[in-house]
Amino acid sequence: MNAPSLAYTRGAALAAILAQRIAIIDGAMGTMIQRYKLGEADFRNAALQAHPKDLKGNNDLLVLTRPDVIREIHAQYLTAGADLIETNTFGATSVAQEDYGLAHLAREMNVAAARIAREAADQFSSADKPRFVAGALGPTPRTASISPDVNDPGARNTSFDQLKDAYKEQAAGLLEGGVDLFLVETIFDTLNAKAAIFALDELMEETGERLPVIVSGTVTDASGRILSGQTVGAFWHSVRHARPLAIGLNCALGAALMRPYIEELGRIAGDTYISCYPNAGLPNPMSDTGFDETPEVTGALMEDFAKAGFLNIVGGCCGTTPDHIAAIARRVGAYRPRGRHDPLFSGLQPREAALA
């Protein structure tokens, strides 16, 4: 991001915490929402009673129609030990909400989601354990790099500017609602992520308020690449200009399969922190959460990561619950966080620059 001289006006304490201990981020929102077995009526308020499209499954809308559910889920994760909770805004962009005919509500959703999370975080914060709200910016259902038509590789169903504008509207709502940082997550297309980063930079230049940014990509399979084709190393070099507080991976894979990619990221991204929140193993429709791993299994795997010195931020994605987060927090608490190393530069001789 530009203007590095601007101090963070929110979330400043998080950087200091990451240097001292491993921080815990929450688990899956969608998995928890499924436990409430909500029906179509739960996704409608008075203003949406006559809306012509089905709304069930539009989880982002619940911040307006069932805020009590979202508030309760945040509280469960905070009780489990989460230092950071994500806003329920994974699909709360106008681009994603177009599928439901609700693009006009995108800004309102983000403001409401941030306020709900802010209220919960403040309720659980203490002097020795502050809690932080991460404004979640998801990938959108459209991709700037990949054609939606196998017969026309040059076709696109969105543009960089459309994505940038949607992300900026989302981020403005999150900022208004009181988030401490931004989390650009579950990135399967680096160009989409670049649009989000550009939007955040533009918004923060305009407002003069600079929040920390965490960037989290998604390796989709054993190829070690994100969906748009980049390796973990190429992905990092594509987004490092954002100077994120942390870079990491989430979703798609369980911890066991994610391990080599987190290790690689930790090796090459030496001057920033590392985040990791994998799925609870592989999908399993017979389990309570829809995924294989119990809290004990996930906690043990994350302890191995901590013991190996990979982690600064750890939590869970699809299939994880407050029980998983509590197990992770118990298991990693005894280990020191991954240390950053000073960046190296080349002149006539190599030079190591001290980290601020």
Protein backbone atom coordinates (compact mmCIF):
# COMPACT_ATOMS: atom_id res chain seq x y z
CA MET A 1 0.00 0.00 0.00
CA ASN A 2 1.15 3.59 -0.46
CA ALA A 3 1.93 6.19 2.19
CA PRO A 4 3.67 3.86 4.68
CA SER A 5 4.35 6.84 6.97
CA LEU A 6 0.66 6.92 7.97
CA ALA A 7 0.23 5.18 11.31
CA TYR A 8 -2.50 2.62 11.77
CA THR A 9 -5.37 4.31 13.55
CA ARG A 10 -7.14 1.03 14.34
CA GLY A 11 -5.75 -2.40 14.99
CA ALA A 12 -2.33 -1.01 15.89
CA ALA A 13 -2.03 -3.27 18.92
CA LEU A 14 -2.37 -6.40 16.80
CA ALA A 15 1.09 -6.07 15.27
CA ALA A 16 2.67 -6.01 18.72
CA ILE A 17 0.68 -9.07 19.79
CA LEU A 18 1.80 -11.04 16.72
CA ALA A 19 5.42 -10.48 17.70
CA GLN A 20 4.76 -11.86 21.19
CA ARG A 21 2.41 -14.81 20.72
CA ILE A 22 0.36 -16.75 18.21
CA ALA A 23 -3.00 -15.05 17.72
CA ILE A 24 -6.23 -17.00 17.21
CA ILE A 25 -8.72 -16.19 14.48
CA ASP A 26 -12.23 -17.64 14.50
CA GLY A 27 -13.62 -20.60 12.57
CA ALA A 28 -16.31 -21.19 9.99
CA MET A 29 -19.34 -18.92 9.91
CA GLY A 30 -21.26 -20.96 7.33
CA THR A 31 -20.81 -24.20 9.26
CA MET A 32 -22.26 -22.58 12.36
CA ILE A 33 -25.17 -20.98 10.50
CA GLN A 34 -26.14 -24.42 9.14
CA ARG A 35 -26.62 -25.62 12.72
CA TYR A 36 -29.49 -23.18 13.17
CA LYS A 37 -31.48 -24.85 10.37
CA LEU A 38 -32.84 -21.53 9.16
CA GLY A 39 -35.66 -21.37 6.63
CA GLU A 40 -36.61 -18.93 3.92
CA ALA A 41 -38.50 -16.76 6.42
CA ASP A 42 -35.32 -16.19 8.42
CA PHE A 43 -33.68 -14.58 5.40
CA ARG A 44 -36.48 -12.05 4.95
CA ASN A 45 -37.37 -8.98 6.98
CA ALA A 46 -40.38 -6.74 6.49
CA ALA A 47 -38.77 -4.98 3.54
CA LEU A 48 -38.05 -8.26 1.74
CA GLN A 49 -41.34 -10.10 2.16
CA ALA A 50 -42.26 -9.63 -1.49
CA HIS A 51 -38.74 -10.06 -2.92
CA PRO A 52 -39.11 -12.21 -6.06
CA LYS A 53 -36.00 -14.38 -5.60
CA ASP A 54 -35.32 -17.11 -3.05
CA LEU A 55 -33.01 -15.79 -0.34
CA LYS A 56 -32.29 -18.88 1.73
CA GLY A 57 -28.55 -19.48 1.72
CA ASN A 58 -27.64 -15.81 1.40
CA ASN A 59 -25.81 -15.91 4.73
CA ASP A 60 -24.54 -12.34 4.48
CA LEU A 61 -28.14 -11.12 4.54
CA LEU A 62 -28.63 -12.51 8.05
CA VAL A 63 -26.88 -9.46 9.55
CA LEU A 64 -30.05 -7.58 8.58
CA THR A 65 -32.71 -10.25 9.11
CA ARG A 66 -31.34 -12.42 11.96
CA PRO A 67 -28.58 -10.39 13.63
CA ASP A 68 -29.17 -12.39 16.81
CA VAL A 69 -27.82 -15.53 15.11
CA ILE A 70 -24.66 -13.81 13.86
CA ARG A 71 -24.09 -12.12 17.23
CA GLU A 72 -24.40 -15.46 19.02
CA ILE A 73 -21.91 -17.14 16.67
CA HIS A 74 -19.37 -14.37 17.23
CA ALA A 75 -19.81 -14.76 20.99
CA GLN A 76 -19.20 -18.51 20.77
CA TYR A 77 -15.91 -18.00 18.96
CA LEU A 78 -14.82 -15.28 21.36
CA THR A 79 -15.64 -17.55 24.30
CA ALA A 80 -13.51 -20.24 22.64
CA GLY A 81 -10.52 -17.88 22.73
CA ALA A 82 -10.49 -16.08 19.39
CA ASP A 83 -8.47 -12.88 19.30
CA LEU A 84 -9.87 -11.96 15.89
CA ILE A 85 -13.40 -12.46 14.59
CA GLU A 86 -14.36 -11.99 10.95
CA THR A 87 -17.38 -10.01 9.88
CA ASN A 88 -20.13 -12.04 8.21
CA THR A 89 -19.42 -10.39 4.85
CA PHE A 90 -17.76 -13.09 2.73
CA GLY A 91 -20.26 -12.48 -0.09
CA ALA A 92 -21.43 -8.98 0.83
CA THR A 93 -20.30 -7.23 -2.35
CA SER A 94 -22.68 -5.83 -4.93
CA VAL A 95 -21.13 -8.28 -7.41
CA ALA A 96 -22.06 -11.31 -5.29
CA GLN A 97 -25.40 -9.92 -4.17
CA GLU A 98 -26.52 -9.43 -7.77
CA ASP A 99 -27.29 -13.16 -7.82
CA TYR A 100 -30.01 -12.52 -5.23
CA GLY A 101 -31.17 -9.20 -6.67
CA LEU A 102 -29.82 -7.42 -3.58
CA ALA A 103 -26.84 -5.47 -4.88
CA HIS A 104 -28.42 -2.28 -3.51
CA LEU A 105 -28.12 -3.64 0.05
CA ALA A 106 -24.38 -4.39 -0.08
CA ARG A 107 -23.22 -1.30 1.76
CA GLU A 108 -25.91 -1.67 4.43
CA MET A 109 -24.94 -5.31 4.99
CA ASN A 110 -21.30 -4.41 5.59
CA VAL A 111 -22.07 -1.61 8.02
CA ALA A 112 -24.42 -3.87 9.98
CA ALA A 113 -22.02 -6.83 9.99
CA ALA A 114 -19.15 -4.69 11.25
CA ARG A 115 -21.28 -3.19 14.03
CA ILE A 116 -22.46 -6.61 15.19
CA ALA A 117 -18.89 -7.94 15.31
CA ARG A 118 -17.63 -4.73 16.94
CA GLU A 119 -20.20 -4.99 19.70
CA ALA A 120 -19.27 -8.62 20.37
CA ALA A 121 -15.52 -7.96 20.33
CA ASP A 122 -15.84 -5.00 22.69
CA GLN A 123 -17.93 -7.06 25.07
CA PHE A 124 -15.21 -9.71 25.34
CA SER A 125 -12.15 -7.43 25.26
CA SER A 126 -10.00 -6.89 28.31
CA ALA A 127 -6.78 -5.06 29.01
CA ASP A 128 -4.71 -8.24 28.78
CA LYS A 129 -6.68 -9.77 25.89
CA PRO A 130 -7.98 -7.22 23.40
CA ARG A 131 -10.22 -8.58 20.65
CA PHE A 132 -10.13 -7.42 17.04
CA VAL A 133 -12.63 -7.30 14.19
CA ALA A 134 -11.42 -8.29 10.74
CA GLY A 135 -13.51 -6.95 7.88
CA ALA A 136 -13.81 -9.93 5.53
CA LEU A 137 -13.61 -9.33 1.77
CA GLY A 138 -14.34 -12.59 -0.08
CA PRO A 139 -13.38 -13.53 -3.64
CA THR A 140 -16.78 -12.86 -5.34
CA PRO A 141 -18.40 -15.48 -7.62
CA ARG A 142 -16.81 -13.86 -10.69
CA THR A 143 -13.20 -14.02 -11.78
CA ALA A 144 -11.18 -11.43 -13.66
CA SER A 145 -8.59 -13.91 -14.95
CA ILE A 146 -10.56 -16.93 -16.12
CA SER A 147 -13.14 -17.18 -18.89
CA PRO A 148 -16.59 -18.48 -17.89
CA ASP A 149 -16.88 -19.92 -21.42
CA VAL A 150 -14.63 -22.86 -22.34
CA ASN A 151 -15.15 -22.01 -26.01
CA ASP A 152 -13.98 -18.42 -25.61
CA PRO A 153 -10.81 -18.07 -23.49
CA GLY A 154 -10.93 -14.28 -23.81
CA ALA A 155 -14.41 -13.89 -22.40
CA ARG A 156 -14.91 -12.32 -18.96
CA ASN A 157 -18.00 -11.80 -16.83
CA THR A 158 -16.48 -8.93 -14.84
CA SER A 159 -13.73 -6.34 -15.08
CA PHE A 160 -11.04 -5.00 -12.77
CA ASP A 161 -12.88 -1.69 -12.39
CA GLN A 162 -16.19 -3.39 -11.55
CA LEU A 163 -14.49 -5.48 -8.89
CA LYS A 164 -12.58 -2.50 -7.53
CA ASP A 165 -15.74 -0.43 -7.19
CA ALA A 166 -17.60 -3.27 -5.46
CA TYR A 167 -14.76 -3.88 -3.04
CA LYS A 168 -14.44 -0.18 -2.28
CA GLU A 169 -18.15 0.04 -1.44
CA GLN A 170 -17.79 -3.00 0.80
CA ALA A 171 -14.68 -1.68 2.55
CA ALA A 172 -16.28 1.72 3.12
CA GLY A 173 -19.18 0.01 4.89
CA LEU A 174 -16.85 -2.10 7.00
CA LEU A 175 -14.81 0.97 7.94
CA GLU A 176 -17.96 2.85 8.91
CA GLY A 177 -19.09 -0.09 11.02
CA GLY A 178 -15.87 -0.11 13.04
CA VAL A 179 -13.52 -2.90 11.87
CA ASP A 180 -9.92 -2.93 13.08
CA LEU A 181 -8.38 -4.42 9.94
CA PHE A 182 -9.23 -5.75 6.50
CA LEU A 183 -8.94 -9.41 5.51
CA VAL A 184 -8.82 -10.16 1.78
CA GLU A 185 -9.45 -13.88 1.95
CA THR A 186 -10.04 -17.14 0.10
CA ILE A 187 -8.29 -15.73 -2.95
CA PHE A 188 -8.57 -17.99 -5.98
CA ASP A 189 -7.82 -15.27 -8.54
CA THR A 190 -4.93 -12.92 -7.86
CA LEU A 191 -6.39 -10.26 -10.14
CA ASN A 192 -9.53 -10.16 -8.00
CA ALA A 193 -7.29 -9.73 -4.96
CA LYS A 194 -5.42 -6.92 -6.67
CA ALA A 195 -8.73 -5.15 -7.27
CA ALA A 196 -9.51 -5.47 -3.56
CA ILE A 197 -6.07 -4.18 -2.59
CA PHE A 198 -6.39 -1.25 -4.99
CA ALA A 199 -9.82 -0.44 -3.53
CA LEU A 200 -8.50 -0.53 0.02
CA ASP A 201 -5.58 1.69 -0.85
CA GLU A 202 -7.86 4.19 -2.59
CA LEU A 203 -10.30 4.23 0.34
CA MET A 204 -7.58 4.72 2.92
CA GLU A 205 -5.97 7.50 0.90
CA GLU A 206 -9.33 9.28 0.77
CA THR A 207 -10.21 8.81 4.44
CA GLY A 208 -6.72 9.25 5.87
CA GLU A 209 -7.31 6.22 8.08
CA ARG A 210 -4.93 3.36 7.41
CA LEU A 211 -5.91 -0.06 8.71
CA PRO A 212 -3.76 -3.20 8.67
CA VAL A 213 -4.46 -5.60 5.80
CA ILE A 214 -4.17 -9.40 5.86
CA VAL A 215 -4.12 -11.31 2.56
CA SER A 216 -5.06 -15.00 2.43
CA GLY A 217 -4.93 -17.16 -0.69
CA THR A 218 -6.43 -20.55 -1.42
CA VAL A 219 -4.44 -23.46 -2.85
CA THR A 220 -7.14 -25.53 -4.48
CA ASP A 221 -5.46 -28.93 -4.87
CA ALA A 222 -2.20 -30.88 -4.73
CA SER A 223 -0.79 -28.89 -7.64
CA GLY A 224 0.14 -26.21 -5.11
CA ARG A 225 -1.52 -23.51 -7.20
CA ILE A 226 -4.44 -21.18 -6.73
CA LEU A 227 -7.27 -21.56 -9.24
CA SER A 228 -5.96 -18.87 -11.60
CA GLY A 229 -2.71 -20.83 -11.90
CA GLN A 230 -0.16 -19.17 -9.64
CA THR A 231 2.11 -21.04 -7.28
CA VAL A 232 2.32 -19.88 -3.68
CA GLY A 233 5.57 -18.06 -4.43
CA ALA A 234 4.18 -16.26 -7.45
CA PHE A 235 1.08 -15.31 -5.49
CA TRP A 236 3.17 -13.74 -2.73
CA HIS A 237 5.25 -11.72 -5.18
CA SER A 238 2.05 -10.51 -6.86
CA VAL A 239 0.57 -9.06 -3.65
CA ARG A 240 3.61 -8.14 -1.57
CA HIS A 241 3.38 -4.53 -2.78
CA ALA A 242 0.39 -4.25 -0.44
CA ARG A 243 2.78 -4.63 2.50
CA PRO A 244 0.26 -6.78 4.38
CA LEU A 245 0.47 -7.25 8.10
CA ALA A 246 0.19 -10.98 7.37
CA ILE A 247 0.05 -13.26 4.36
CA GLY A 248 -1.46 -16.70 4.55
CA LEU A 249 -3.64 -19.50 3.22
CA ASN A 250 -7.13 -20.68 4.05
CA CYS A 251 -9.90 -23.00 2.84
CA ALA A 252 -9.90 -25.79 0.19
CA LEU A 253 -7.40 -28.00 2.03
CA GLY A 254 -7.08 -29.45 5.51
CA ALA A 255 -3.98 -28.75 7.57
CA ALA A 256 -2.12 -31.91 6.55
CA LEU A 257 -2.32 -31.07 2.84
CA MET A 258 -1.73 -27.36 3.43
CA ARG A 259 1.48 -27.84 5.40
CA PRO A 260 4.07 -27.68 2.54
CA TYR A 261 2.51 -24.52 1.15
CA ILE A 262 2.44 -22.73 4.51
CA GLU A 263 6.06 -23.79 5.04
CA GLU A 264 7.01 -22.36 1.64
CA LEU A 265 5.16 -19.14 2.29
CA GLY A 266 6.90 -18.74 5.62
CA ARG A 267 10.26 -19.20 3.94
CA ILE A 268 9.77 -16.65 1.17
CA ALA A 269 7.65 -14.03 2.97
CA GLY A 270 10.18 -13.37 5.69
CA ASP A 271 9.34 -9.75 6.41
CA THR A 272 5.67 -10.24 7.23
CA TYR A 273 3.60 -12.46 9.50
CA ILE A 274 1.96 -15.75 8.48
CA SER A 275 -1.69 -16.72 8.90
CA CYS A 276 -3.20 -20.15 8.45
CA TYR A 277 -6.81 -21.27 8.79
CA PRO A 278 -7.44 -24.54 6.98
CA ASN A 279 -10.59 -26.59 6.61
CA ALA A 280 -11.34 -29.34 9.12
CA GLY A 281 -9.84 -31.94 6.81
CA LEU A 282 -11.74 -33.32 3.84
CA PRO A 283 -15.50 -33.10 3.23
CA ASN A 284 -17.51 -35.85 4.93
CA PRO A 285 -21.31 -35.55 4.65
CA MET A 286 -21.73 -38.11 7.43
CA SER A 287 -20.07 -35.94 10.08
CA ASP A 288 -21.72 -33.29 12.24
CA THR A 289 -19.82 -30.45 10.55
CA GLY A 290 -19.61 -31.92 7.05
CA PHE A 291 -15.86 -32.45 7.40
CA ASP A 292 -13.60 -35.22 8.70
CA GLU A 293 -11.58 -33.72 11.52
CA THR A 294 -12.60 -33.56 15.14
CA PRO A 295 -11.41 -30.62 17.25
CA GLU A 296 -8.70 -32.83 18.77
CA VAL A 297 -7.31 -33.78 15.35
CA THR A 298 -7.29 -30.23 14.04
CA GLY A 299 -5.76 -28.95 17.28
CA ALA A 300 -2.97 -31.52 17.11
CA LEU A 301 -2.16 -30.65 13.50
CA MET A 302 -2.02 -26.95 14.31
CA GLU A 303 0.23 -27.71 17.27
CA ASP A 304 2.65 -29.36 14.85
CA PHE A 305 2.60 -26.18 12.76
CA ALA A 306 3.29 -24.07 15.84
CA LYS A 307 6.06 -26.36 16.99
CA ALA A 308 7.68 -26.05 13.56
CA GLY A 309 7.59 -22.26 13.84
CA PHE A 310 5.16 -21.62 10.97
CA LEU A 311 2.48 -19.54 12.67
CA ASN A 312 1.54 -16.04 13.75
CA ILE A 313 -2.23 -16.28 13.23
CA VAL A 314 -4.13 -19.57 13.27
CA GLY A 315 -7.77 -20.62 13.14
CA GLY A 316 -10.17 -22.58 11.00
CA CYS A 317 -12.21 -22.41 7.83
CA CYS A 318 -14.94 -24.74 6.51
CA GLY A 319 -16.09 -27.38 8.98
CA THR A 320 -14.47 -25.80 12.03
CA THR A 321 -16.51 -24.80 15.07
CA PRO A 322 -15.88 -23.06 18.41
CA ASP A 323 -14.76 -26.45 19.75
CA HIS A 324 -12.09 -26.60 17.03
CA ILE A 325 -10.94 -23.06 17.83
CA ALA A 326 -10.78 -23.82 21.56
CA ALA A 327 -8.68 -26.93 20.85
CA ILE A 328 -6.34 -24.97 18.59
CA ALA A 329 -5.94 -22.22 21.19
CA ARG A 330 -5.07 -24.76 23.88
CA ARG A 331 -2.55 -26.59 21.72
CA VAL A 332 -0.63 -23.63 20.25
CA GLY A 333 -0.51 -21.45 23.36
CA ALA A 334 2.76 -22.90 24.61
CA TYR A 335 4.72 -22.05 21.44
CA ARG A 336 6.45 -18.90 20.33
CA PRO A 337 5.21 -17.20 17.18
CA ARG A 338 7.13 -17.38 13.93
CA GLY A 339 9.73 -14.63 13.81
CA ARG A 340 10.14 -12.29 10.88
CA HIS A 341 13.54 -11.72 9.35
CA ASP A 342 14.80 -8.45 7.99
CA PRO A 343 14.38 -7.97 4.23
CA LEU A 344 17.46 -8.24 2.02
CA PHE A 345 18.36 -5.71 -0.67
CA SER A 346 21.13 -5.64 -3.23
CA GLY A 347 23.51 -2.83 -4.06
CA LEU A 348 27.17 -3.41 -4.72
CA GLN A 349 26.92 -5.59 -1.65
CA PRO A 350 23.93 -7.28 -0.04
CA ARG A 351 22.27 -5.19 2.62
CA GLU A 352 19.88 -6.23 5.35
CA ALA A 353 17.35 -3.55 6.31
CA ALA A 354 16.11 -3.46 9.88
CA LEU A 355 12.39 -4.01 10.33
CA ALA A 356 10.47 -1.11 11.86
